[in-house]
């Protein structure tokens, strides 16, 4: 009930406030868009096409990197806790170990 009363008071106070004035331009303040030269765009497209020809070298690099990551992952798949420690943990705490 208090929430509704507080909401009604807040809405009532907000309704009394004067709306902000937005200074919008009345006419076309900005001229028409200018066309940009196409030359740099075509040069960049040509550069990308040339770099696409080097894709086999990039693929070989990626394959060797993937193989290195697979070898690293295989090395990490071993047990995290050494077997002797795991066996000791499985036995549980010893009675009277704490003073």
Protein backbone atom coordinates (compact mmCIF):
# COMPACT_ATOMS: atom_id res chain seq x y z
CA UNK A 1 0.00 0.00 0.00
CA UNK A 2 2.84 2.36 0.83
CA UNK A 3 4.45 1.57 -2.48
CA UNK A 4 1.35 2.63 -4.37
CA UNK A 5 1.11 5.85 -2.36
CA UNK A 6 4.77 6.66 -3.00
CA UNK A 7 4.31 5.91 -6.69
CA UNK A 8 1.26 8.16 -6.91
CA UNK A 9 3.11 11.02 -5.16
CA UNK A 10 6.13 10.60 -7.48
CA UNK A 11 3.93 10.60 -10.59
CA UNK A 12 2.01 13.61 -9.33
CA UNK A 13 5.21 15.59 -8.75
CA UNK A 14 6.57 14.56 -12.15
CA UNK A 15 3.36 15.77 -13.81
CA UNK A 16 3.88 19.24 -12.33
CA UNK A 17 7.35 19.61 -13.83
CA UNK A 18 7.82 21.61 -17.01
CA UNK A 19 8.99 19.46 -19.90
CA UNK A 20 12.51 20.23 -21.14
CA UNK A 21 12.90 22.41 -24.19
CA UNK A 22 14.66 20.71 -27.01
CA UNK A 23 16.46 23.10 -29.33
CA UNK A 24 15.98 21.28 -32.57
CA UNK A 25 16.94 22.94 -35.83
CA UNK A 26 13.93 24.23 -37.70
CA UNK A 27 15.44 23.83 -41.16
CA UNK A 28 17.97 21.63 -42.89
CA UNK A 29 21.04 22.49 -40.81
CA UNK A 30 23.18 19.87 -42.52
CA UNK A 31 23.66 19.79 -46.26
CA UNK A 32 23.39 16.71 -48.39
CA UNK A 33 25.89 13.94 -47.79
CA UNK A 34 29.08 14.08 -49.80
CA UNK A 35 30.21 11.10 -51.81
CA UNK A 36 33.51 9.63 -50.74
CA UNK A 37 36.17 8.56 -53.25
CA UNK A 38 35.99 4.90 -54.20
CA UNK A 39 39.73 4.49 -54.90
CA UNK A 40 40.84 3.76 -51.31
CA UNK A 41 38.00 1.26 -50.89
CA UNK A 42 38.98 -0.59 -54.08
CA UNK A 43 42.66 -0.59 -53.04
CA UNK A 44 41.74 -2.14 -49.70
CA UNK A 45 39.61 -4.79 -51.44
CA UNK A 46 42.56 -5.62 -53.72
CA UNK A 47 44.86 -5.92 -50.69
CA UNK A 48 42.41 -8.32 -49.05
CA UNK A 49 42.24 -10.40 -52.24
CA UNK A 50 46.05 -10.62 -52.31
CA UNK A 51 46.14 -11.71 -48.67
CA UNK A 52 43.52 -14.37 -49.47
CA UNK A 53 46.09 -15.95 -51.79
CA UNK A 54 48.33 -16.54 -48.77
CA UNK A 55 45.60 -18.61 -47.11
CA UNK A 56 47.41 -21.98 -47.55
CA UNK A 57 50.38 -20.72 -45.53
CA UNK A 58 48.02 -19.45 -42.87
CA UNK A 59 46.16 -22.76 -42.81
CA UNK A 60 49.43 -24.64 -42.29
CA UNK A 61 50.33 -22.32 -39.44
CA UNK A 62 46.93 -22.85 -37.84
CA UNK A 63 47.20 -26.62 -38.20
CA UNK A 64 50.59 -26.70 -36.49
CA UNK A 65 49.26 -24.49 -33.71
CA UNK A 66 46.22 -26.74 -33.27
CA UNK A 67 48.50 -29.80 -33.09
CA UNK A 68 50.61 -28.10 -30.41
CA UNK A 69 47.49 -27.27 -28.40
CA UNK A 70 46.23 -30.86 -28.72
CA UNK A 71 49.57 -32.15 -27.40
CA UNK A 72 49.40 -29.73 -24.50
CA UNK A 73 45.84 -30.81 -23.70
CA UNK A 74 46.90 -34.46 -23.73
CA UNK A 75 49.61 -33.66 -21.20
CA UNK A 76 47.08 -31.95 -18.94
CA UNK A 77 44.64 -34.89 -18.97
CA UNK A 78 46.58 -36.78 -16.32
CA UNK A 79 45.46 -36.97 -12.70
CA UNK A 80 45.47 -33.66 -10.88
CA UNK A 81 46.05 -35.24 -7.48
CA UNK A 82 48.91 -37.74 -7.27
CA UNK A 83 47.74 -41.32 -6.56
CA UNK A 84 49.45 -41.49 -3.12
CA UNK A 85 47.74 -38.31 -1.97
CA UNK A 86 44.40 -39.47 -3.38
CA UNK A 87 44.66 -42.75 -1.45
CA UNK A 88 45.43 -40.84 1.75
CA UNK A 89 42.43 -38.58 1.14
CA UNK A 90 40.18 -41.58 0.55
CA UNK A 91 41.15 -43.03 3.95
CA UNK A 92 39.74 -39.92 5.63
CA UNK A 93 41.04 -38.02 8.63
CA UNK A 94 42.87 -39.87 11.34
CA UNK A 95 41.38 -39.91 14.80
CA UNK A 96 43.34 -37.78 17.22
CA UNK A 97 45.29 -35.97 14.47
CA UNK A 98 44.38 -32.61 15.95
CA UNK A 99 45.61 -31.58 19.43
